[in-house]
Amino acid sequence: MKGQIVKISSDLYFISSDNEIFPCKCRGLFRKEHITPVVGDYVLFSKEKKLVEEILPRKNHFERPKVSNIDQAFLVTSMKLPDFSLNLLDKFIILMEINHVEPIICITKTDLLDSSVLDSYQSIFDYYRNIGYTVVFNADIEQIKSLLMNKTSVFTGQTGAGKSTLLNQLNPEWNLEVGDVSLALGRGKHTTRTVELFPFMGGKVMDTPGFSALELSNYSKEEIRNAFIEFSKVHCPFRDCSHTNEKECCVKQEVLANHILESRYLNYLSFIGVDEDEKN
């Protein structure tokens, strides 16, 4: 049978298939071949033997937390306490782009800002929308629910940005503890830092302590460059342009013309380890 691992506890793998949960163990061969199943893996398993027999190809795979096959990530981004950070937002976006996860920007705590201050951010939100990203606010509950339909989703972002509060609004039955950061659906604060998938809106919501591995040093400069999706729409005269030292680079010209958000370009330089003052 085919199913999906929704929880791992010790050496037991809980597999969802045909609206049932089957606790299984793995073939001994997995350990010999250094194969490690993770939450989110689609597998072939024997219902009778209660044994995971094969891990199917993954769409994506993360090490921290150990999860796979994520469709989309809600990047929960606070406007205040903690303060809004374009650098952190872009870092999350690039991590998801490289791993083929659709980023959805979710803005929280707008009520802590004066309307005039919030209005000053609208052009930034519009920019992200115009280059192809969905931007929602935590009050847009019905829109968020519609985005969750038939997808495997994860909520991540800044510590204290309001993930638990948002998830409680989506499904009060989860009864998450609202505090520093608790994403344990129905179980209070994380103590074991385990990962679990919960059915919701025809899809699944992943309960995870969050993506702790936000460093981009494991990725090449080319991977990071290609993850800035608006760069690919600019046709530079240079093949494989790095958008740093090339004097006739069209991306740099688009930045100067305010067609590409300057903060995005500066974050790009930072992520690939180029000092903005030394790029020319």
C-alpha atoms as a PDB file:
ATOM      1  CA  MET A   1       0.000   0.000   0.000  1.00  0.00           C
ATOM      2  CA  LYS A   2       0.967   3.616  -0.462  1.00  0.00           C
ATOM      3  CA  GLY A   3       0.826   6.099   2.381  1.00  0.00           C
ATOM      4  CA  GLN A   4       2.510   9.077   4.000  1.00  0.00           C
ATOM      5  CA  ILE A   5       4.483   9.210   7.241  1.00  0.00           C
ATOM      6  CA  VAL A   6       2.677  11.695   9.502  1.00  0.00           C
ATOM      7  CA  LYS A   7       4.510  11.043  12.773  1.00  0.00           C
ATOM      8  CA  ILE A   8       7.630   9.279  14.044  1.00  0.00           C
ATOM      9  CA  SER A   9       7.974   8.063  17.617  1.00  0.00           C
ATOM     10  CA  SER A  10      11.110   6.134  18.506  1.00  0.00           C
ATOM     11  CA  ASP A  11      11.274   3.311  15.929  1.00  0.00           C
ATOM     12  CA  LEU A  12       7.584   3.514  15.015  1.00  0.00           C
ATOM     13  CA  TYR A  13       6.457   5.241  11.820  1.00  0.00           C
ATOM     14  CA  PHE A  14       2.791   6.259  11.731  1.00  0.00           C
ATOM     15  CA  ILE A  15       1.520   6.072   8.163  1.00  0.00           C
ATOM     16  CA  SER A  16      -1.661   7.688   6.896  1.00  0.00           C
ATOM     17  CA  SER A  17      -3.415   5.727   4.161  1.00  0.00           C
ATOM     18  CA  ASP A  18      -7.086   5.486   3.179  1.00  0.00           C
ATOM     19  CA  ASN A  19      -8.121   7.632   6.174  1.00  0.00           C
ATOM     20  CA  GLU A  20      -6.446   5.238   8.609  1.00  0.00           C
ATOM     21  CA  ILE A  21      -3.220   5.409  10.591  1.00  0.00           C
ATOM     22  CA  PHE A  22      -0.900   2.387  10.530  1.00  0.00           C
ATOM     23  CA  PRO A  23       2.021   2.143  12.991  1.00  0.00           C
ATOM     24  CA  CYS A  24       4.889   0.424  11.194  1.00  0.00           C
ATOM     25  CA  LYS A  25       8.561  -0.357  11.548  1.00  0.00           C
ATOM     26  CA  CYS A  26      11.187  -0.075   8.807  1.00  0.00           C
ATOM     27  CA  ARG A  27      13.069  -2.773   6.983  1.00  0.00           C
ATOM     28  CA  GLY A  28      16.428  -3.536   8.572  1.00  0.00           C
ATOM     29  CA  LEU A  29      17.992  -2.841   5.192  1.00  0.00           C
ATOM     30  CA  PHE A  30      17.223   0.874   5.629  1.00  0.00           C
ATOM     31  CA  ARG A  31      19.719   1.207   8.456  1.00  0.00           C
ATOM     32  CA  LYS A  32      22.405  -0.710   6.577  1.00  0.00           C
ATOM     33  CA  GLU A  33      21.961   1.565   3.564  1.00  0.00           C
ATOM     34  CA  HIS A  34      21.786   4.719   5.756  1.00  0.00           C
ATOM     35  CA  ILE A  35      18.229   5.458   4.631  1.00  0.00           C
ATOM     36  CA  THR A  36      16.342   7.628   7.127  1.00  0.00           C
ATOM     37  CA  PRO A  37      12.582   8.073   6.676  1.00  0.00           C
ATOM     38  CA  VAL A  38      11.204  11.450   7.776  1.00  0.00           C
ATOM     39  CA  VAL A  39       7.771  12.946   8.389  1.00  0.00           C
ATOM     40  CA  GLY A  40       6.222  13.790   5.034  1.00  0.00           C
ATOM     41  CA  ASP A  41       7.751  10.867   3.160  1.00  0.00           C
ATOM     42  CA  TYR A  42       5.476   8.946   0.831  1.00  0.00           C
ATOM     43  CA  VAL A  43       6.151   5.246   1.245  1.00  0.00           C
ATOM     44  CA  LEU A  44       5.115   1.801   0.166  1.00  0.00           C
ATOM     45  CA  PHE A  45       4.304  -0.366   3.172  1.00  0.00           C
ATOM     46  CA  SER A  46       2.865  -3.753   4.068  1.00  0.00           C
ATOM     47  CA  LYS A  47      -0.332  -3.498   6.078  1.00  0.00           C
ATOM     48  CA  GLU A  48      -0.046  -7.127   7.128  1.00  0.00           C
ATOM     49  CA  LYS A  49       3.636  -7.060   8.110  1.00  0.00           C
ATOM     50  CA  LYS A  50       3.376  -3.503   9.478  1.00  0.00           C
ATOM     51  CA  LEU A  51       6.570  -2.724   7.641  1.00  0.00           C
ATOM     52  CA  VAL A  52       7.790   0.244   5.598  1.00  0.00           C
ATOM     53  CA  GLU A  53       9.246  -1.309   2.455  1.00  0.00           C
ATOM     54  CA  GLU A  54      10.213   1.628   0.227  1.00  0.00           C
ATOM     55  CA  ILE A  55      10.544   5.418   0.392  1.00  0.00           C
ATOM     56  CA  LEU A  56       9.191   7.054  -2.754  1.00  0.00           C
ATOM     57  CA  PRO A  57      11.059   9.949  -4.449  1.00  0.00           C
ATOM     58  CA  ARG A  58      10.880  13.208  -2.498  1.00  0.00           C
ATOM     59  CA  LYS A  59       9.798  16.579  -3.843  1.00  0.00           C
ATOM     60  CA  ASN A  60      12.046  18.242  -1.266  1.00  0.00           C
ATOM     61  CA  HIS A  61      13.822  17.414   1.967  1.00  0.00           C
ATOM     62  CA  PHE A  62      14.958  19.461   4.960  1.00  0.00           C
ATOM     63  CA  GLU A  63      17.412  18.460   7.677  1.00  0.00           C
ATOM     64  CA  ARG A  64      16.281  20.831  10.443  1.00  0.00           C
ATOM     65  CA  PRO A  65      13.543  19.913  11.017  1.00  0.00           C
ATOM     66  CA  LYS A  66      13.683  16.524   9.292  1.00  0.00           C
ATOM     67  CA  VAL A  67      10.695  16.801   6.950  1.00  0.00           C
ATOM     68  CA  SER A  68       9.918  16.246   3.281  1.00  0.00           C
ATOM     69  CA  ASN A  69       7.379  16.852   0.534  1.00  0.00           C
ATOM     70  CA  ILE A  70       6.237  20.292   1.664  1.00  0.00           C
ATOM     71  CA  ASP A  71       4.026  22.096  -0.874  1.00  0.00           C
ATOM     72  CA  GLN A  72       3.962  25.556   0.663  1.00  0.00           C
ATOM     73  CA  ALA A  73       5.276  27.546   3.607  1.00  0.00           C
ATOM     74  CA  PHE A  74       3.437  30.395   5.318  1.00  0.00           C
ATOM     75  CA  LEU A  75       6.204  32.813   6.281  1.00  0.00           C
ATOM     76  CA  VAL A  76       4.654  34.435   9.340  1.00  0.00           C
ATOM     77  CA  THR A  77       6.187  37.902   9.534  1.00  0.00           C
ATOM     78  CA  SER A  78       5.518  40.336  12.359  1.00  0.00           C
ATOM     79  CA  MET A  79       5.380  44.088  11.849  1.00  0.00           C
ATOM     80  CA  LYS A  80       6.217  44.801  15.505  1.00  0.00           C
ATOM     81  CA  LEU A  81       7.542  42.844  18.488  1.00  0.00           C
ATOM     82  CA  PRO A  82       9.541  41.435  16.766  1.00  0.00           C
ATOM     83  CA  ASP A  83      10.130  44.176  14.224  1.00  0.00           C
ATOM     84  CA  PHE A  84       9.615  43.601  10.519  1.00  0.00           C
ATOM     85  CA  SER A  85      12.807  42.338   8.843  1.00  0.00           C
ATOM     86  CA  LEU A  86      13.146  42.250   5.059  1.00  0.00           C
ATOM     87  CA  ASN A  87      16.467  40.425   5.416  1.00  0.00           C
ATOM     88  CA  LEU A  88      14.904  37.589   7.386  1.00  0.00           C
ATOM     89  CA  LEU A  89      11.878  37.477   5.094  1.00  0.00           C
ATOM     90  CA  ASP A  90      14.068  37.188   2.002  1.00  0.00           C
ATOM     91  CA  LYS A  91      16.199  34.536   3.662  1.00  0.00           C
ATOM     92  CA  PHE A  92      13.086  32.417   4.304  1.00  0.00           C
ATOM     93  CA  ILE A  93      11.879  33.006   0.744  1.00  0.00           C
ATOM     94  CA  ILE A  94      15.214  31.971  -0.780  1.00  0.00           C
ATOM     95  CA  LEU A  95      15.385  28.843   1.388  1.00  0.00           C
ATOM     96  CA  MET A  96      11.923  27.827   0.182  1.00  0.00           C
ATOM     97  CA  GLU A  97      12.575  28.692  -3.468  1.00  0.00           C
ATOM     98  CA  ILE A  98      15.739  26.581  -3.559  1.00  0.00           C
ATOM     99  CA  ASN A  99      13.839  23.651  -2.055  1.00  0.00           C
ATOM    100  CA  HIS A 100      10.818  23.978  -4.384  1.00  0.00           C
ATOM    101  CA  VAL A 101       8.394  25.086  -1.674  1.00  0.00           C
ATOM    102  CA  GLU A 102       5.926  27.846  -2.521  1.00  0.00           C
ATOM    103  CA  PRO A 103       6.424  30.774  -0.118  1.00  0.00           C
ATOM    104  CA  ILE A 104       3.325  32.609   1.124  1.00  0.00           C
ATOM    105  CA  ILE A 105       3.989  35.811   3.051  1.00  0.00           C
ATOM    106  CA  CYS A 106       1.701  36.231   6.059  1.00  0.00           C
ATOM    107  CA  ILE A 107       1.861  39.595   7.826  1.00  0.00           C
ATOM    108  CA  THR A 108       0.901  39.798  11.523  1.00  0.00           C
ATOM    109  CA  LYS A 109       0.555  42.431  14.272  1.00  0.00           C
ATOM    110  CA  THR A 110      -0.434  45.258  11.933  1.00  0.00           C
ATOM    111  CA  ASP A 111      -2.625  46.561  14.763  1.00  0.00           C
ATOM    112  CA  LEU A 112       0.527  47.616  16.633  1.00  0.00           C
ATOM    113  CA  LEU A 113       1.390  50.172  13.940  1.00  0.00           C
ATOM    114  CA  ASP A 114      -0.140  53.552  13.200  1.00  0.00           C
ATOM    115  CA  SER A 115      -2.096  53.478   9.952  1.00  0.00           C
ATOM    116  CA  SER A 116       0.330  55.970   8.374  1.00  0.00           C
ATOM    117  CA  VAL A 117       3.295  53.719   9.194  1.00  0.00           C
ATOM    118  CA  LEU A 118       1.491  50.672   7.852  1.00  0.00           C
ATOM    119  CA  ASP A 119       0.625  52.578   4.671  1.00  0.00           C
ATOM    120  CA  SER A 120       4.330  53.215   4.097  1.00  0.00           C
ATOM    121  CA  TYR A 121       4.855  49.458   3.804  1.00  0.00           C
ATOM    122  CA  GLN A 122       2.159  48.930   1.176  1.00  0.00           C
ATOM    123  CA  SER A 123       4.547  49.519  -1.724  1.00  0.00           C
ATOM    124  CA  ILE A 124       6.792  46.766  -0.341  1.00  0.00           C
ATOM    125  CA  PHE A 125       3.879  44.340  -0.040  1.00  0.00           C
ATOM    126  CA  ASP A 126       2.789  45.273  -3.572  1.00  0.00           C
ATOM    127  CA  TYR A 127       6.292  44.611  -4.880  1.00  0.00           C
ATOM    128  CA  TYR A 128       6.270  41.053  -3.538  1.00  0.00           C
ATOM    129  CA  ARG A 129       2.813  40.519  -5.006  1.00  0.00           C
ATOM    130  CA  ASN A 130       3.903  41.869  -8.391  1.00  0.00           C
ATOM    131  CA  ILE A 131       6.872  39.499  -8.647  1.00  0.00           C
ATOM    132  CA  GLY A 132       4.568  36.559  -7.968  1.00  0.00           C
ATOM    133  CA  TYR A 133       4.179  35.972  -4.240  1.00  0.00           C
ATOM    134  CA  THR A 134       0.925  35.747  -2.323  1.00  0.00           C
ATOM    135  CA  VAL A 135       0.789  38.238   0.561  1.00  0.00           C
ATOM    136  CA  VAL A 136      -1.911  37.809   3.191  1.00  0.00           C
ATOM    137  CA  PHE A 137      -2.619  39.273   6.615  1.00  0.00           C
ATOM    138  CA  ASN A 138      -3.410  37.217   9.697  1.00  0.00           C
ATOM    139  CA  ALA A 139      -6.964  38.632   9.680  1.00  0.00           C
ATOM    140  CA  ASP A 140      -7.593  37.048   6.239  1.00  0.00           C
ATOM    141  CA  ILE A 141      -8.663  33.753   7.806  1.00  0.00           C
ATOM    142  CA  GLU A 142     -10.952  32.570   5.009  1.00  0.00           C
ATOM    143  CA  GLN A 143      -8.341  33.332   2.352  1.00  0.00           C
ATOM    144  CA  ILE A 144      -5.700  31.450   4.337  1.00  0.00           C
ATOM    145  CA  LYS A 145      -8.049  28.472   4.712  1.00  0.00           C
ATOM    146  CA  SER A 146      -8.615  28.430   0.962  1.00  0.00           C
ATOM    147  CA  LEU A 147      -4.858  28.451   0.389  1.00  0.00           C
ATOM    148  CA  LEU A 148      -4.482  25.449   2.714  1.00  0.00           C
ATOM    149  CA  MET A 149      -6.922  23.305   0.740  1.00  0.00           C
ATOM    150  CA  ASN A 150      -5.390  20.072  -0.582  1.00  0.00           C
ATOM    151  CA  LYS A 151      -1.845  21.203   0.244  1.00  0.00           C
ATOM    152  CA  THR A 152       0.829  20.098   2.692  1.00  0.00           C
ATOM    153  CA  SER A 153       1.683  23.316   4.498  1.00  0.00           C
ATOM    154  CA  VAL A 154       4.043  24.516   7.176  1.00  0.00           C
ATOM    155  CA  PHE A 155       3.920  27.720   9.219  1.00  0.00           C
ATOM    156  CA  THR A 156       7.291  29.210  10.025  1.00  0.00           C
ATOM    157  CA  GLY A 157       8.914  32.572  10.603  1.00  0.00           C
ATOM    158  CA  GLN A 158      10.159  34.796  13.390  1.00  0.00           C
ATOM    159  CA  THR A 159       9.946  33.613  16.974  1.00  0.00           C
ATOM    160  CA  GLY A 160       7.009  35.380  18.586  1.00  0.00           C
ATOM    161  CA  ALA A 161       5.498  36.496  15.283  1.00  0.00           C
ATOM    162  CA  GLY A 162       2.092  35.039  16.113  1.00  0.00           C
ATOM    163  CA  LYS A 163       2.102  31.581  14.508  1.00  0.00           C
ATOM    164  CA  SER A 164       0.228  29.938  17.395  1.00  0.00           C
ATOM    165  CA  THR A 165      -2.396  32.680  17.536  1.00  0.00           C
ATOM    166  CA  LEU A 166      -2.967  32.358  13.793  1.00  0.00           C
ATOM    167  CA  LEU A 167      -3.264  28.572  13.930  1.00  0.00           C
ATOM    168  CA  ASN A 168      -5.780  28.859  16.786  1.00  0.00           C
ATOM    169  CA  GLN A 169      -7.865  31.175  14.629  1.00  0.00           C
ATOM    170  CA  LEU A 170      -7.749  28.673  11.773  1.00  0.00           C
ATOM    171  CA  ASN A 171      -8.809  25.770  13.976  1.00  0.00           C
ATOM    172  CA  PRO A 172      -9.742  26.499  17.625  1.00  0.00           C
ATOM    173  CA  GLU A 173      -9.764  22.750  18.325  1.00  0.00           C
ATOM    174  CA  TRP A 174      -5.975  22.768  18.171  1.00  0.00           C
ATOM    175  CA  ASN A 175      -6.005  24.954  21.307  1.00  0.00           C
ATOM    176  CA  LEU A 176      -2.385  25.984  20.993  1.00  0.00           C
ATOM    177  CA  GLU A 177      -0.679  27.596  23.920  1.00  0.00           C
ATOM    178  CA  VAL A 178       0.051  31.194  22.989  1.00  0.00           C
ATOM    179  CA  GLY A 179       3.345  32.328  24.399  1.00  0.00           C
ATOM    180  CA  ASP A 180       6.965  32.407  23.350  1.00  0.00           C
ATOM    181  CA  VAL A 181       6.460  29.891  20.581  1.00  0.00           C
ATOM    182  CA  SER A 182       4.335  26.827  20.852  1.00  0.00           C
ATOM    183  CA  LEU A 183       3.400  24.967  17.708  1.00  0.00           C
ATOM    184  CA  ALA A 184       2.478  21.680  19.384  1.00  0.00           C
ATOM    185  CA  LEU A 185      -1.034  21.215  18.081  1.00  0.00           C
ATOM    186  CA  GLY A 186      -3.153  20.463  21.146  1.00  0.00           C
ATOM    187  CA  ARG A 187      -0.144  19.548  23.278  1.00  0.00           C
ATOM    188  CA  GLY A 188       1.110  22.819  24.737  1.00  0.00           C
ATOM    189  CA  LYS A 189       4.762  23.824  24.398  1.00  0.00           C
ATOM    190  CA  HIS A 190       7.238  21.723  22.512  1.00  0.00           C
ATOM    191  CA  THR A 191       9.305  19.527  24.792  1.00  0.00           C
ATOM    192  CA  THR A 192      10.414  16.762  22.440  1.00  0.00           C
ATOM    193  CA  ARG A 193      10.686  18.978  19.342  1.00  0.00           C
ATOM    194  CA  THR A 194       8.964  16.295  17.287  1.00  0.00           C
ATOM    195  CA  VAL A 195       7.266  16.837  13.950  1.00  0.00           C
ATOM    196  CA  GLU A 196       3.760  15.782  13.008  1.00  0.00           C
ATOM    197  CA  LEU A 197       1.304  16.223  10.136  1.00  0.00           C
ATOM    198  CA  PHE A 198      -2.350  16.989  10.900  1.00  0.00           C
ATOM    199  CA  PRO A 199      -5.232  16.752   8.394  1.00  0.00           C
ATOM    200  CA  PHE A 200      -6.904  20.085   7.632  1.00  0.00           C
ATOM    201  CA  MET A 201      -8.956  21.517   4.742  1.00  0.00           C
ATOM    202  CA  GLY A 202      -8.351  18.428   2.614  1.00  0.00           C
ATOM    203  CA  GLY A 203      -4.615  18.845   3.033  1.00  0.00           C
ATOM    204  CA  LYS A 204      -2.175  18.661   5.953  1.00  0.00           C
ATOM    205  CA  VAL A 205      -0.663  21.205   8.298  1.00  0.00           C
ATOM    206  CA  MET A 206       2.767  20.410   9.655  1.00  0.00           C
ATOM    207  CA  ASP A 207       3.414  20.854  13.341  1.00  0.00           C
ATOM    208  CA  THR A 208       7.126  21.644  13.594  1.00  0.00           C
ATOM    209  CA  PRO A 209       9.398  23.621  15.915  1.00  0.00           C
ATOM    210  CA  GLY A 210      10.353  25.680  12.880  1.00  0.00           C
ATOM    211  CA  PHE A 211      13.180  25.829  10.383  1.00  0.00           C
ATOM    212  CA  SER A 212      16.296  26.352  12.461  1.00  0.00           C
ATOM    213  CA  ALA A 213      18.727  25.927   9.570  1.00  0.00           C
ATOM    214  CA  LEU A 214      18.442  29.313   7.904  1.00  0.00           C
ATOM    215  CA  GLU A 215      22.061  29.637   6.837  1.00  0.00           C
ATOM    216  CA  LEU A 216      22.446  29.725   3.081  1.00  0.00           C
ATOM    217  CA  SER A 217      26.145  28.780   3.103  1.00  0.00           C
ATOM    218  CA  ASN A 218      25.325  25.247   1.935  1.00  0.00           C
ATOM    219  CA  TYR A 219      23.960  26.622  -1.328  1.00  0.00           C
ATOM    220  CA  SER A 220      25.928  27.890  -4.297  1.00  0.00           C
ATOM    221  CA  LYS A 221      25.896  31.526  -5.366  1.00  0.00           C
ATOM    222  CA  GLU A 222      24.121  30.419  -8.532  1.00  0.00           C
ATOM    223  CA  GLU A 223      21.353  28.687  -6.560  1.00  0.00           C
ATOM    224  CA  ILE A 224      20.839  31.795  -4.447  1.00  0.00           C
ATOM    225  CA  ARG A 225      20.861  34.065  -7.510  1.00  0.00           C
ATOM    226  CA  ASN A 226      18.307  31.909  -9.300  1.00  0.00           C
ATOM    227  CA  ALA A 227      16.045  31.946  -6.237  1.00  0.00           C
ATOM    228  CA  PHE A 228      15.554  35.718  -6.652  1.00  0.00           C
ATOM    229  CA  ILE A 229      12.772  35.161  -9.143  1.00  0.00           C
ATOM    230  CA  GLU A 230      12.610  38.718 -10.480  1.00  0.00           C
ATOM    231  CA  PHE A 231      16.246  38.516 -11.652  1.00  0.00           C
ATOM    232  CA  SER A 232      15.339  35.825 -14.190  1.00  0.00           C
ATOM    233  CA  LYS A 233      12.931  38.220 -15.916  1.00  0.00           C
ATOM    234  CA  VAL A 234      15.775  40.624 -16.710  1.00  0.00           C
ATOM    235  CA  HIS A 235      17.802  39.730 -19.800  1.00  0.00           C
ATOM    236  CA  CYS A 236      21.421  40.578 -19.051  1.00  0.00           C
ATOM    237  CA  PRO A 237      23.854  40.743 -21.984  1.00  0.00           C
ATOM    238  CA  PHE A 238      26.179  38.450 -20.036  1.00  0.00           C
ATOM    239  CA  ARG A 239      25.693  34.731 -19.960  1.00  0.00           C
ATOM    240  CA  ASP A 240      25.391  33.479 -16.388  1.00  0.00           C
ATOM    241  CA  CYS A 241      25.668  37.040 -15.020  1.00  0.00           C
ATOM    242  CA  SER A 242      26.356  37.218 -11.275  1.00  0.00           C
ATOM    243  CA  HIS A 243      24.791  40.713 -11.039  1.00  0.00           C
ATOM    244  CA  THR A 244      27.760  41.989  -9.037  1.00  0.00           C
ATOM    245  CA  ASN A 245      30.820  43.248 -10.935  1.00  0.00           C
ATOM    246  CA  GLU A 246      29.493  43.315 -14.509  1.00  0.00           C
ATOM    247  CA  LYS A 247      29.316  47.001 -15.475  1.00  0.00           C
ATOM    248  CA  GLU A 248      26.509  46.551 -18.011  1.00  0.00           C
ATOM    249  CA  CYS A 249      24.446  44.226 -15.803  1.00  0.00           C
ATOM    250  CA  CYS A 250      20.759  44.874 -16.475  1.00  0.00           C
ATOM    251  CA  VAL A 251      19.714  43.744 -13.004  1.00  0.00           C
ATOM    252  CA  LYS A 252      21.797  46.517 -11.450  1.00  0.00           C
ATOM    253  CA  GLN A 253      20.235  48.959 -13.903  1.00  0.00           C
ATOM    254  CA  GLU A 254      16.768  47.780 -12.848  1.00  0.00           C
ATOM    255  CA  VAL A 255      17.709  48.390  -9.213  1.00  0.00           C
ATOM    256  CA  LEU A 256      18.844  51.941 -10.028  1.00  0.00           C
ATOM    257  CA  ALA A 257      15.575  52.494 -11.909  1.00  0.00           C
ATOM    258  CA  ASN A 258      13.606  51.283  -8.843  1.00  0.00           C
ATOM    259  CA  HIS A 259      12.104  48.426 -10.829  1.00  0.00           C
ATOM    260  CA  ILE A 260      13.807  45.931  -8.505  1.00  0.00           C
ATOM    261  CA  LEU A 261      13.485  46.581  -4.782  1.00  0.00           C
ATOM    262  CA  GLU A 262      16.851  47.808  -3.517  1.00  0.00           C
ATOM    263  CA  SER A 263      16.562  45.815  -0.287  1.00  0.00           C
ATOM    264  CA  ARG A 264      16.144  42.627  -2.306  1.00  0.00           C
ATOM    265  CA  TYR A 265      19.325  43.335  -4.256  1.00  0.00           C
ATOM    266  CA  LEU A 266      21.298  44.245  -1.119  1.00  0.00           C
ATOM    267  CA  ASN A 267      20.067  41.077   0.570  1.00  0.00           C
ATOM    268  CA  TYR A 268      21.174  39.104  -2.472  1.00  0.00           C
ATOM    269  CA  LEU A 269      24.679  40.554  -2.188  1.00  0.00           C
ATOM    270  CA  SER A 270      24.711  39.759   1.521  1.00  0.00           C
ATOM    271  CA  PHE A 271      23.562  36.179   0.975  1.00  0.00           C
ATOM    272  CA  ILE A 272      26.316  35.450  -1.564  1.00  0.00           C
ATOM    273  CA  GLY A 273      28.948  37.134   0.599  1.00  0.00           C
ATOM    274  CA  VAL A 274      29.576  40.263  -1.468  1.00  0.00           C
ATOM    275  CA  ASP A 275      30.102  43.597   0.283  1.00  0.00           C
ATOM    276  CA  GLU A 276      27.915  46.210  -1.441  1.00  0.00           C
ATOM    277  CA  ASP A 277      30.754  48.747  -1.286  1.00  0.00           C
ATOM    278  CA  GLU A 278      33.117  46.348  -3.059  1.00  0.00           C
ATOM    279  CA  LYS A 279      30.855  45.036  -5.794  1.00  0.00           C
ATOM    280  CA  ASN A 280      32.111  47.400  -8.495  1.00  0.00           C
END
